[in-house]
Amino acid sequence: NYADSVKGRFIISRDNAKSTVYLQMNSLEPDDTAVYY
């Protein structure tokens, strides 16, 4: 699920073997500027 502001631009995925979650961010905009957690 995605917030409307990032839908179609961001992709979340997870690799359970590595205990890691990813966020692929495309078509970035100035309003995406932030600290990500």
Full PDB file with SEQRES, HELIX, SHEET, SSBOND, CRYST1, ORIGX, SCALE, CONECT and MASTER records, all heavy atoms in Angstrom:
SEQRES   1 A   37  ASN TYR ALA ASP SER VAL LYS GLY ARG PHE ILE ILE SER          
SEQRES   2 A   37  ARG ASP ASN ALA LYS SER THR VAL TYR LEU GLN MET ASN          
SEQRES   3 A   37  SER LEU GLU PRO ASP ASP THR ALA VAL TYR TYR                  
HELIX    1 AA1 ASN A   16  LYS A   18  5                                   3    
HELIX    2 AA2 PRO A   30  ASP A   32  5                                   3    
SHEET    1 AA1 2 PHE A  10  ASP A  15  0                                        
SHEET    2 AA1 2 THR A  20  MET A  25 -1                                        
CRYST1    1.000    1.000    1.000  90.00  90.00  90.00 P 1           1          
ORIGX1      1.000000  0.000000  0.000000        0.00000                         
ORIGX2      0.000000  1.000000  0.000000        0.00000                         
ORIGX3      0.000000  0.000000  1.000000        0.00000                         
SCALE1      1.000000  0.000000  0.000000        0.00000                         
SCALE2      0.000000  1.000000  0.000000        0.00000                         
SCALE3      0.000000  0.000000  1.000000        0.00000                         
ATOM      1  N   ASN A   1       0.844  -1.182   0.000  1.00  0.00           N  
ATOM      2  CA  ASN A   1       0.000   0.000   0.000  1.00  0.00           C  
ATOM      3  C   ASN A   1       0.883   1.238   0.000  1.00  0.00           C  
ATOM      4  O   ASN A   1       1.982   1.219   0.572  1.00  0.00           O  
ATOM      5  CB  ASN A   1      -0.922   0.012   1.224  1.00  0.00           C  
ATOM      6  CG  ASN A   1      -2.060  -0.967   1.078  1.00  0.00           C  
ATOM      7  OD1 ASN A   1      -3.006  -0.733   0.341  1.00  0.00           O  
ATOM      8  ND2 ASN A   1      -1.962  -2.088   1.773  1.00  0.00           N  
ATOM      9  N   TYR A   2       0.377   2.288  -0.625  1.00  0.00           N  
ATOM     10  CA  TYR A   2       1.160   3.516  -0.779  1.00  0.00           C  
ATOM     11  C   TYR A   2       0.326   4.735  -0.445  1.00  0.00           C  
ATOM     12  O   TYR A   2      -0.885   4.770  -0.692  1.00  0.00           O  
ATOM     13  CB  TYR A   2       1.656   3.648  -2.220  1.00  0.00           C  
ATOM     14  CG  TYR A   2       2.543   2.518  -2.679  1.00  0.00           C  
ATOM     15  CD1 TYR A   2       2.018   1.426  -3.349  1.00  0.00           C  
ATOM     16  CD2 TYR A   2       3.925   2.560  -2.449  1.00  0.00           C  
ATOM     17  CE1 TYR A   2       2.833   0.383  -3.765  1.00  0.00           C  
ATOM     18  CE2 TYR A   2       4.746   1.526  -2.874  1.00  0.00           C  
ATOM     19  CZ  TYR A   2       4.186   0.430  -3.525  1.00  0.00           C  
ATOM     20  OH  TYR A   2       4.999  -0.586  -3.941  1.00  0.00           O  
ATOM     21  N   ALA A   3       0.995   5.746   0.070  1.00  0.00           N  
ATOM     22  CA  ALA A   3       0.353   7.044   0.221  1.00  0.00           C  
ATOM     23  C   ALA A   3       0.066   7.604  -1.166  1.00  0.00           C  
ATOM     24  O   ALA A   3       0.817   7.355  -2.118  1.00  0.00           O  
ATOM     25  CB  ALA A   3       1.262   7.989   1.000  1.00  0.00           C  
ATOM     26  N   ASP A   4      -1.000   8.361  -1.296  1.00  0.00           N  
ATOM     27  CA  ASP A   4      -1.370   8.907  -2.596  1.00  0.00           C  
ATOM     28  C   ASP A   4      -0.250   9.750  -3.200  1.00  0.00           C  
ATOM     29  O   ASP A   4      -0.075   9.781  -4.418  1.00  0.00           O  
ATOM     30  CB  ASP A   4      -2.636   9.756  -2.462  1.00  0.00           C  
ATOM     31  CG  ASP A   4      -3.878   8.906  -2.235  1.00  0.00           C  
ATOM     32  OD1 ASP A   4      -3.826   7.686  -2.473  1.00  0.00           O  
ATOM     33  OD2 ASP A   4      -4.910   9.481  -1.819  1.00  0.00           O  
ATOM     34  N   SER A   5       0.501  10.403  -2.350  1.00  0.00           N  
ATOM     35  CA  SER A   5       1.539  11.314  -2.831  1.00  0.00           C  
ATOM     36  C   SER A   5       2.697  10.591  -3.525  1.00  0.00           C  
ATOM     37  O   SER A   5       3.460  11.215  -4.259  1.00  0.00           O  
ATOM     38  CB  SER A   5       2.082  12.151  -1.674  1.00  0.00           C  
ATOM     39  OG  SER A   5       2.606  11.306  -0.658  1.00  0.00           O  
ATOM     40  N   VAL A   6       2.841   9.287  -3.288  1.00  0.00           N  
ATOM     41  CA  VAL A   6       3.961   8.552  -3.879  1.00  0.00           C  
ATOM     42  C   VAL A   6       3.502   7.425  -4.797  1.00  0.00           C  
ATOM     43  O   VAL A   6       4.335   6.774  -5.445  1.00  0.00           O  
ATOM     44  CB  VAL A   6       4.898   7.983  -2.791  1.00  0.00           C  
ATOM     45  CG1 VAL A   6       5.347   9.077  -1.837  1.00  0.00           C  
ATOM     46  CG2 VAL A   6       4.246   6.844  -2.032  1.00  0.00           C  
ATOM     47  N   LYS A   7       2.210   7.197  -4.849  1.00  0.00           N  
ATOM     48  CA  LYS A   7       1.677   6.090  -5.648  1.00  0.00           C  
ATOM     49  C   LYS A   7       2.085   6.253  -7.114  1.00  0.00           C  
ATOM     50  O   LYS A   7       1.967   7.337  -7.682  1.00  0.00           O  
ATOM     51  CB  LYS A   7       0.159   6.053  -5.508  1.00  0.00           C  
ATOM     52  CG  LYS A   7      -0.487   4.744  -5.906  1.00  0.00           C  
ATOM     53  CD  LYS A   7      -1.969   4.754  -5.549  1.00  0.00           C  
ATOM     54  CE  LYS A   7      -2.203   4.801  -4.064  1.00  0.00           C  
ATOM     55  NZ  LYS A   7      -3.635   4.758  -3.702  1.00  0.00           N  
ATOM     56  N   GLY A   8       2.568   5.172  -7.705  1.00  0.00           N  
ATOM     57  CA  GLY A   8       3.014   5.216  -9.093  1.00  0.00           C  
ATOM     58  C   GLY A   8       4.459   5.640  -9.260  1.00  0.00           C  
ATOM     59  O   GLY A   8       5.019   5.530 -10.358  1.00  0.00           O  
ATOM     60  N   ARG A   9       5.089   6.125  -8.181  1.00  0.00           N  
ATOM     61  CA  ARG A   9       6.491   6.566  -8.261  1.00  0.00           C  
ATOM     62  C   ARG A   9       7.403   5.716  -7.371  1.00  0.00           C  
ATOM     63  O   ARG A   9       8.569   5.500  -7.705  1.00  0.00           O  
ATOM     64  CB  ARG A   9       6.610   8.027  -7.847  1.00  0.00           C  
ATOM     65  CG  ARG A   9       5.806   8.978  -8.716  1.00  0.00           C  
ATOM     66  CD  ARG A   9       6.128  10.443  -8.374  1.00  0.00           C  
ATOM     67  NE  ARG A   9       5.767  10.787  -7.016  1.00  0.00           N  
ATOM     68  CZ  ARG A   9       6.621  11.244  -6.110  1.00  0.00           C  
ATOM     69  NH1 ARG A   9       7.893  11.403  -6.423  1.00  0.00           N  
ATOM     70  NH2 ARG A   9       6.203  11.546  -4.884  1.00  0.00           N  
ATOM     71  N   PHE A  10       6.896   5.283  -6.233  1.00  0.00           N  
ATOM     72  CA  PHE A  10       7.696   4.522  -5.271  1.00  0.00           C  
ATOM     73  C   PHE A  10       7.266   3.053  -5.287  1.00  0.00           C  
ATOM     74  O   PHE A  10       6.099   2.735  -5.511  1.00  0.00           O  
ATOM     75  CB  PHE A  10       7.507   5.056  -3.850  1.00  0.00           C  
ATOM     76  CG  PHE A  10       8.096   6.413  -3.594  1.00  0.00           C  
ATOM     77  CD1 PHE A  10       8.591   7.212  -4.619  1.00  0.00           C  
ATOM     78  CD2 PHE A  10       8.173   6.907  -2.298  1.00  0.00           C  
ATOM     79  CE1 PHE A  10       9.142   8.458  -4.372  1.00  0.00           C  
ATOM     80  CE2 PHE A  10       8.721   8.146  -2.021  1.00  0.00           C  
ATOM     81  CZ  PHE A  10       9.193   8.928  -3.066  1.00  0.00           C  
ATOM     82  N   ILE A  11       8.229   2.176  -5.013  1.00  0.00           N  
ATOM     83  CA  ILE A  11       7.947   0.752  -4.919  1.00  0.00           C  
ATOM     84  C   ILE A  11       8.602   0.199  -3.658  1.00  0.00           C  
ATOM     85  O   ILE A  11       9.810   0.349  -3.470  1.00  0.00           O  
ATOM     86  CB  ILE A  11       8.480  -0.014  -6.147  1.00  0.00           C  
ATOM     87  CG1 ILE A  11       7.855   0.521  -7.429  1.00  0.00           C  
ATOM     88  CG2 ILE A  11       8.210  -1.516  -5.997  1.00  0.00           C  
ATOM     89  CD1 ILE A  11       8.475  -0.040  -8.695  1.00  0.00           C  
ATOM     90  N   ILE A  12       7.795  -0.427  -2.814  1.00  0.00           N  
ATOM     91  CA  ILE A  12       8.311  -1.050  -1.598  1.00  0.00           C  
ATOM     92  C   ILE A  12       8.466  -2.543  -1.851  1.00  0.00           C  
ATOM     93  O   ILE A  12       7.645  -3.161  -2.536  1.00  0.00           O  
ATOM     94  CB  ILE A  12       7.383  -0.780  -0.397  1.00  0.00           C  
ATOM     95  CG1 ILE A  12       8.036  -1.258   0.905  1.00  0.00           C  
ATOM     96  CG2 ILE A  12       6.004  -1.391  -0.594  1.00  0.00           C  
ATOM     97  CD1 ILE A  12       7.269  -0.833   2.158  1.00  0.00           C  
ATOM     98  N   SER A  13       9.541  -3.111  -1.312  1.00  0.00           N  
ATOM     99  CA  SER A  13       9.775  -4.539  -1.462  1.00  0.00           C  
ATOM    100  C   SER A  13      10.514  -5.049  -0.230  1.00  0.00           C  
ATOM    101  O   SER A  13      11.014  -4.254   0.575  1.00  0.00           O  
ATOM    102  CB  SER A  13      10.586  -4.836  -2.735  1.00  0.00           C  
ATOM    103  OG  SER A  13      11.848  -4.216  -2.683  1.00  0.00           O  
ATOM    104  N   ARG A  14      10.582  -6.357  -0.089  1.00  0.00           N  
ATOM    105  CA  ARG A  14      11.275  -6.916   1.066  1.00  0.00           C  
ATOM    106  C   ARG A  14      12.010  -8.181   0.650  1.00  0.00           C  
ATOM    107  O   ARG A  14      11.533  -8.928  -0.206  1.00  0.00           O  
ATOM    108  CB  ARG A  14      10.329  -7.186   2.231  1.00  0.00           C  
ATOM    109  CG  ARG A  14       9.259  -8.216   1.980  1.00  0.00           C  
ATOM    110  CD  ARG A  14       8.153  -8.171   3.041  1.00  0.00           C  
ATOM    111  NE  ARG A  14       8.638  -8.534   4.372  1.00  0.00           N  
ATOM    112  CZ  ARG A  14       7.885  -8.429   5.471  1.00  0.00           C  
ATOM    113  NH1 ARG A  14       6.657  -7.944   5.402  1.00  0.00           N  
ATOM    114  NH2 ARG A  14       8.375  -8.788   6.656  1.00  0.00           N  
ATOM    115  N   ASP A  15      13.163  -8.396   1.260  1.00  0.00           N  
ATOM    116  CA  ASP A  15      13.955  -9.607   1.070  1.00  0.00           C  
ATOM    117  C   ASP A  15      14.072 -10.252   2.436  1.00  0.00           C  
ATOM    118  O   ASP A  15      14.919  -9.855   3.250  1.00  0.00           O  
ATOM    119  CB  ASP A  15      15.329  -9.257   0.489  1.00  0.00           C  
ATOM    120  CG  ASP A  15      16.164 -10.483   0.183  1.00  0.00           C  
ATOM    121  OD1 ASP A  15      15.883 -11.550   0.760  1.00  0.00           O  
ATOM    122  OD2 ASP A  15      17.091 -10.361  -0.628  1.00  0.00           O  
ATOM    123  N   ASN A  16      13.240 -11.235   2.698  1.00  0.00           N  
ATOM    124  CA  ASN A  16      13.214 -11.832   4.028  1.00  0.00           C  
ATOM    125  C   ASN A  16      14.505 -12.575   4.360  1.00  0.00           C  
ATOM    126  O   ASN A  16      14.898 -12.658   5.522  1.00  0.00           O  
ATOM    127  CB  ASN A  16      12.015 -12.761   4.166  1.00  0.00           C  
ATOM    128  CG  ASN A  16      10.705 -12.007   4.176  1.00  0.00           C  
ATOM    129  OD1 ASN A  16      10.648 -10.843   4.579  1.00  0.00           O  
ATOM    130  ND2 ASN A  16       9.653 -12.656   3.711  1.00  0.00           N  
ATOM    131  N   ALA A  17      15.169 -13.097   3.340  1.00  0.00           N  
ATOM    132  CA  ALA A  17      16.434 -13.793   3.582  1.00  0.00           C  
ATOM    133  C   ALA A  17      17.491 -12.847   4.131  1.00  0.00           C  
ATOM    134  O   ALA A  17      18.390 -13.259   4.858  1.00  0.00           O  
ATOM    135  CB  ALA A  17      16.927 -14.441   2.298  1.00  0.00           C  
ATOM    136  N   LYS A  18      17.362 -11.574   3.781  1.00  0.00           N  
ATOM    137  CA  LYS A  18      18.313 -10.567   4.250  1.00  0.00           C  
ATOM    138  C   LYS A  18      17.731  -9.695   5.348  1.00  0.00           C  
ATOM    139  O   LYS A  18      18.385  -8.745   5.792  1.00  0.00           O  
ATOM    140  CB  LYS A  18      18.764  -9.684   3.082  1.00  0.00           C  
ATOM    141  CG  LYS A  18      19.519 -10.430   2.001  1.00  0.00           C  
ATOM    142  CD  LYS A  18      19.956  -9.476   0.892  1.00  0.00           C  
ATOM    143  CE  LYS A  18      20.748 -10.220  -0.181  1.00  0.00           C  
ATOM    144  NZ  LYS A  18      21.165  -9.320  -1.273  1.00  0.00           N  
ATOM    145  N   SER A  19      16.504  -9.969   5.766  1.00  0.00           N  
ATOM    146  CA  SER A  19      15.826  -9.146   6.788  1.00  0.00           C  
ATOM    147  C   SER A  19      15.894  -7.671   6.401  1.00  0.00           C  
ATOM    148  O   SER A  19      16.197  -6.806   7.234  1.00  0.00           O  
ATOM    149  CB  SER A  19      16.462  -9.361   8.165  1.00  0.00           C  
ATOM    150  OG  SER A  19      16.339 -10.703   8.573  1.00  0.00           O  
ATOM    151  N   THR A  20      15.612  -7.398   5.145  1.00  0.00           N  
ATOM    152  CA  THR A  20      15.754  -6.040   4.623  1.00  0.00           C  
ATOM    153  C   THR A  20      14.512  -5.640   3.841  1.00  0.00           C  
ATOM    154  O   THR A  20      13.944  -6.448   3.106  1.00  0.00           O  
ATOM    155  CB  THR A  20      16.997  -5.935   3.720  1.00  0.00           C  
ATOM    156  OG1 THR A  20      18.158  -6.270   4.480  1.00  0.00           O  
ATOM    157  CG2 THR A  20      17.160  -4.522   3.171  1.00  0.00           C  
ATOM    158  N   VAL A  21      14.131  -4.395   4.006  1.00  0.00           N  
ATOM    159  CA  VAL A  21      13.027  -3.806   3.262  1.00  0.00           C  
ATOM    160  C   VAL A  21      13.597  -2.667   2.429  1.00  0.00           C  
ATOM    161  O   VAL A  21      14.451  -1.904   2.907  1.00  0.00           O  
ATOM    162  CB  VAL A  21      11.928  -3.289   4.204  1.00  0.00           C  
ATOM    163  CG1 VAL A  21      10.806  -2.655   3.402  1.00  0.00           C  
ATOM    164  CG2 VAL A  21      11.391  -4.435   5.056  1.00  0.00           C  
ATOM    165  N   TYR A  22      13.117  -2.535   1.212  1.00  0.00           N  
ATOM    166  CA  TYR A  22      13.627  -1.523   0.286  1.00  0.00           C  
ATOM    167  C   TYR A  22      12.525  -0.544  -0.092  1.00  0.00           C  
ATOM    168  O   TYR A  22      11.338  -0.855  -0.024  1.00  0.00           O  
ATOM    169  CB  TYR A  22      14.153  -2.184  -0.982  1.00  0.00           C  
ATOM    170  CG  TYR A  22      15.238  -3.201  -0.742  1.00  0.00           C  
ATOM    171  CD1 TYR A  22      14.944  -4.559  -0.694  1.00  0.00           C  
ATOM    172  CD2 TYR A  22      16.561  -2.804  -0.561  1.00  0.00           C  
ATOM    173  CE1 TYR A  22      15.939  -5.500  -0.466  1.00  0.00           C  
ATOM    174  CE2 TYR A  22      17.561  -3.733  -0.335  1.00  0.00           C  
ATOM    175  CZ  TYR A  22      17.247  -5.086  -0.288  1.00  0.00           C  
ATOM    176  OH  TYR A  22      18.230  -6.007  -0.061  1.00  0.00           O  
ATOM    177  N   LEU A  23      12.955   0.632  -0.521  1.00  0.00           N  
ATOM    178  CA  LEU A  23      12.036   1.607  -1.091  1.00  0.00           C  
ATOM    179  C   LEU A  23      12.704   2.184  -2.336  1.00  0.00           C  
ATOM    180  O   LEU A  23      13.659   2.957  -2.225  1.00  0.00           O  
ATOM    181  CB  LEU A  23      11.693   2.710  -0.101  1.00  0.00           C  
ATOM    182  CG  LEU A  23      10.610   3.685  -0.573  1.00  0.00           C  
ATOM    183  CD1 LEU A  23       9.259   2.955  -0.675  1.00  0.00           C  
ATOM    184  CD2 LEU A  23      10.491   4.887   0.376  1.00  0.00           C  
ATOM    185  N   GLN A  24      12.225   1.776  -3.481  1.00  0.00           N  
ATOM    186  CA  GLN A  24      12.695   2.323  -4.751  1.00  0.00           C  
ATOM    187  C   GLN A  24      11.901   3.588  -5.037  1.00  0.00           C  
ATOM    188  O   GLN A  24      10.680   3.540  -5.137  1.00  0.00           O  
ATOM    189  CB  GLN A  24      12.512   1.310  -5.873  1.00  0.00           C  
ATOM    190  CG  GLN A  24      12.902   1.827  -7.242  1.00  0.00           C  
ATOM    191  CD  GLN A  24      14.400   2.075  -7.372  1.00  0.00           C  
ATOM    192  OE1 GLN A  24      15.205   1.271  -6.921  1.00  0.00           O  
ATOM    193  NE2 GLN A  24      14.767   3.183  -8.002  1.00  0.00           N  
ATOM    194  N   MET A  25      12.601   4.696  -5.157  1.00  0.00           N  
ATOM    195  CA  MET A  25      11.943   5.983  -5.349  1.00  0.00           C  
ATOM    196  C   MET A  25      12.318   6.525  -6.720  1.00  0.00           C  
ATOM    197  O   MET A  25      13.501   6.787  -6.986  1.00  0.00           O  
ATOM    198  CB  MET A  25      12.357   6.953  -4.250  1.00  0.00           C  
ATOM    199  CG  MET A  25      12.130   6.419  -2.839  1.00  0.00           C  
ATOM    200  SD  MET A  25      12.406   7.647  -1.560  1.00  0.00           S  
ATOM    201  CE  MET A  25      14.134   7.988  -1.824  1.00  0.00           C  
ATOM    202  N   ASN A  26      11.329   6.702  -7.570  1.00  0.00           N  
ATOM    203  CA  ASN A  26      11.533   7.212  -8.920  1.00  0.00           C  
ATOM    204  C   ASN A  26      10.808   8.539  -9.101  1.00  0.00           C  
ATOM    205  O   ASN A  26       9.926   8.883  -8.301  1.00  0.00           O  
ATOM    206  CB  ASN A  26      11.021   6.201  -9.939  1.00  0.00           C  
ATOM    207  CG  ASN A  26      11.680   4.837  -9.808  1.00  0.00           C  
ATOM    208  OD1 ASN A  26      12.887   4.736  -9.627  1.00  0.00           O  
ATOM    209  ND2 ASN A  26      10.889   3.785  -9.904  1.00  0.00           N  
ATOM    210  N   SER A  27      11.173   9.250 -10.129  1.00  0.00           N  
ATOM    211  CA  SER A  27      10.537  10.542 -10.442  1.00  0.00           C  
ATOM    212  C   SER A  27      10.456  11.420  -9.195  1.00  0.00           C  
ATOM    213  O   SER A  27       9.397  11.971  -8.876  1.00  0.00           O  
ATOM    214  CB  SER A  27       9.138  10.312 -11.021  1.00  0.00           C  
ATOM    215  OG  SER A  27       9.197   9.511 -12.176  1.00  0.00           O  
ATOM    216  N   LEU A  28      11.560  11.536  -8.517  1.00  0.00           N  
ATOM    217  CA  LEU A  28      11.567  12.282  -7.263  1.00  0.00           C  
ATOM    218  C   LEU A  28      11.264  13.753  -7.479  1.00  0.00           C  
ATOM    219  O   LEU A  28      11.656  14.354  -8.490  1.00  0.00           O  
ATOM    220  CB  LEU A  28      12.918  12.104  -6.569  1.00  0.00           C  
ATOM    221  CG  LEU A  28      13.073  10.746  -5.866  1.00  0.00           C  
ATOM    222  CD1 LEU A  28      14.543  10.446  -5.591  1.00  0.00           C  
ATOM    223  CD2 LEU A  28      12.277  10.737  -4.574  1.00  0.00           C  
ATOM    224  N   GLU A  29      10.579  14.312  -6.499  1.00  0.00           N  
ATOM    225  CA  GLU A  29      10.152  15.711  -6.524  1.00  0.00           C  
ATOM    226  C   GLU A  29      10.711  16.425  -5.289  1.00  0.00           C  
ATOM    227  O   GLU A  29      10.995  15.779  -4.273  1.00  0.00           O  
ATOM    228  CB  GLU A  29       8.619  15.765  -6.509  1.00  0.00           C  
ATOM    229  CG  GLU A  29       7.968  14.998  -7.629  1.00  0.00           C  
ATOM    230  CD  GLU A  29       6.460  14.846  -7.426  1.00  0.00           C  
ATOM    231  OE1 GLU A  29       5.957  15.216  -6.347  1.00  0.00           O  
ATOM    232  OE2 GLU A  29       5.794  14.347  -8.367  1.00  0.00           O  
ATOM    233  N   PRO A  30      10.838  17.736  -5.352  1.00  0.00           N  
ATOM    234  CA  PRO A  30      11.332  18.469  -4.178  1.00  0.00           C  
ATOM    235  C   PRO A  30      10.527  18.180  -2.902  1.00  0.00           C  
ATOM    236  O   PRO A  30      11.100  18.159  -1.807  1.00  0.00           O  
ATOM    237  CB  PRO A  30      11.208  19.934  -4.604  1.00  0.00           C  
ATOM    238  CG  PRO A  30      11.400  19.880  -6.089  1.00  0.00           C  
ATOM    239  CD  PRO A  30      10.719  18.611  -6.530  1.00  0.00           C  
ATOM    240  N   ASP A  31       9.225  17.944  -3.045  1.00  0.00           N  
ATOM    241  CA  ASP A  31       8.389  17.650  -1.873  1.00  0.00           C  
ATOM    242  C   ASP A  31       8.705  16.298  -1.245  1.00  0.00           C  
ATOM    243  O   ASP A  31       8.200  15.991  -0.155  1.00  0.00           O  
ATOM    244  CB  ASP A  31       6.903  17.697  -2.242  1.00  0.00           C  
ATOM    245  CG  ASP A  31       6.387  19.117  -2.371  1.00  0.00           C  
ATOM    246  OD1 ASP A  31       7.111  20.055  -1.964  1.00  0.00           O  
ATOM    247  OD2 ASP A  31       5.272  19.304  -2.885  1.00  0.00           O  
ATOM    248  N   ASP A  32       9.511  15.486  -1.902  1.00  0.00           N  
ATOM    249  CA  ASP A  32       9.933  14.211  -1.320  1.00  0.00           C  
ATOM    250  C   ASP A  32      11.106  14.391  -0.356  1.00  0.00           C  
ATOM    251  O   ASP A  32      11.510  13.426   0.304  1.00  0.00           O  
ATOM    252  CB  ASP A  32      10.335  13.228  -2.422  1.00  0.00           C  
ATOM    253  CG  ASP A  32       9.173  12.832  -3.316  1.00  0.00           C  
ATOM    254  OD1 ASP A  32       8.072  12.605  -2.789  1.00  0.00           O  
ATOM    255  OD2 ASP A  32       9.370  12.765  -4.552  1.00  0.00           O  
ATOM    256  N   THR A  33      11.641  15.584  -0.292  1.00  0.00           N  
ATOM    257  CA  THR A  33      12.748  15.852   0.613  1.00  0.00           C  
ATOM    258  C   THR A  33      12.321  15.624   2.056  1.00  0.00           C  
ATOM    259  O   THR A  33      11.344  16.209   2.529  1.00  0.00           O  
ATOM    260  CB  THR A  33      13.239  17.301   0.447  1.00  0.00           C  
ATOM    261  OG1 THR A  33      13.790  17.458  -0.867  1.00  0.00           O  
ATOM    262  CG2 THR A  33      14.301  17.639   1.482  1.00  0.00           C  
ATOM    263  N   ALA A  34      13.042  14.750   2.742  1.00  0.00           N  
ATOM    264  CA  ALA A  34      12.685  14.379   4.112  1.00  0.00           C  
ATOM    265  C   ALA A  34      13.722  13.391   4.650  1.00  0.00           C  
ATOM    266  O   ALA A  34      14.563  12.891   3.901  1.00  0.00           O  
ATOM    267  CB  ALA A  34      11.305  13.733   4.164  1.00  0.00           C  
ATOM    268  N   VAL A  35      13.618  13.120   5.934  1.00  0.00           N  
ATOM    269  CA  VAL A  35      14.348  11.985   6.515  1.00  0.00           C  
ATOM    270  C   VAL A  35      13.406  10.794   6.464  1.00  0.00           C  
ATOM    271  O   VAL A  35      12.256  10.880   6.901  1.00  0.00           O  
ATOM    272  CB  VAL A  35      14.776  12.269   7.969  1.00  0.00           C  
ATOM    273  CG1 VAL A  35      15.512  11.060   8.532  1.00  0.00           C  
ATOM    274  CG2 VAL A  35      15.675  13.502   8.025  1.00  0.00           C  
ATOM    275  N   TYR A  36      13.895   9.691   5.917  1.00  0.00           N  
ATOM    276  CA  TYR A  36      13.075   8.495   5.735  1.00  0.00           C  
ATOM    277  C   TYR A  36      13.427   7.450   6.798  1.00  0.00           C  
ATOM    278  O   TYR A  36      14.610   7.187   7.055  1.00  0.00           O  
ATOM    279  CB  TYR A  36      13.287   7.934   4.333  1.00  0.00           C  
ATOM    280  CG  TYR A  36      12.575   8.733   3.274  1.00  0.00           C  
ATOM    281  CD1 TYR A  36      13.020   9.997   2.906  1.00  0.00           C  
ATOM    282  CD2 TYR A  36      11.429   8.237   2.636  1.00  0.00           C  
ATOM    283  CE1 TYR A  36      12.362  10.747   1.951  1.00  0.00           C  
ATOM    284  CE2 TYR A  36      10.767   8.971   1.674  1.00  0.00           C  
ATOM    285  CZ  TYR A  36      11.231  10.229   1.346  1.00  0.00           C  
ATOM    286  OH  TYR A  36      10.566  10.965   0.391  1.00  0.00           O  
ATOM    287  N   TYR A  37      12.384   6.850   7.361  1.00  0.00           N  
ATOM    288  CA  TYR A  37      12.528   5.850   8.416  1.00  0.00           C  
ATOM    289  C   TYR A  37      11.724   4.597   8.050  1.00  0.00           C  
ATOM    290  O   TYR A  37      10.748   4.677   7.313  1.00  0.00           O  
ATOM    291  CB  TYR A  37      11.965   6.374   9.741  1.00  0.00           C  
ATOM    292  CG  TYR A  37      12.547   7.664  10.243  1.00  0.00           C  
ATOM    293  CD1 TYR A  37      12.038   8.890   9.834  1.00  0.00           C  
ATOM    294  CD2 TYR A  37      13.595   7.661  11.163  1.00  0.00           C  
ATOM    295  CE1 TYR A  37      12.558  10.085  10.321  1.00  0.00           C  
ATOM    296  CE2 TYR A  37      14.123   8.844  11.656  1.00  0.00           C  
ATOM    297  CZ  TYR A  37      13.594  10.048  11.228  1.00  0.00           C  
ATOM    298  OH  TYR A  37      14.109  11.225  11.705  1.00  0.00           O  
TER     299      TYR A  37                                                      
MASTER        0    0    0    2    2    0    0    6  298    1    0    3          
END                                                                             
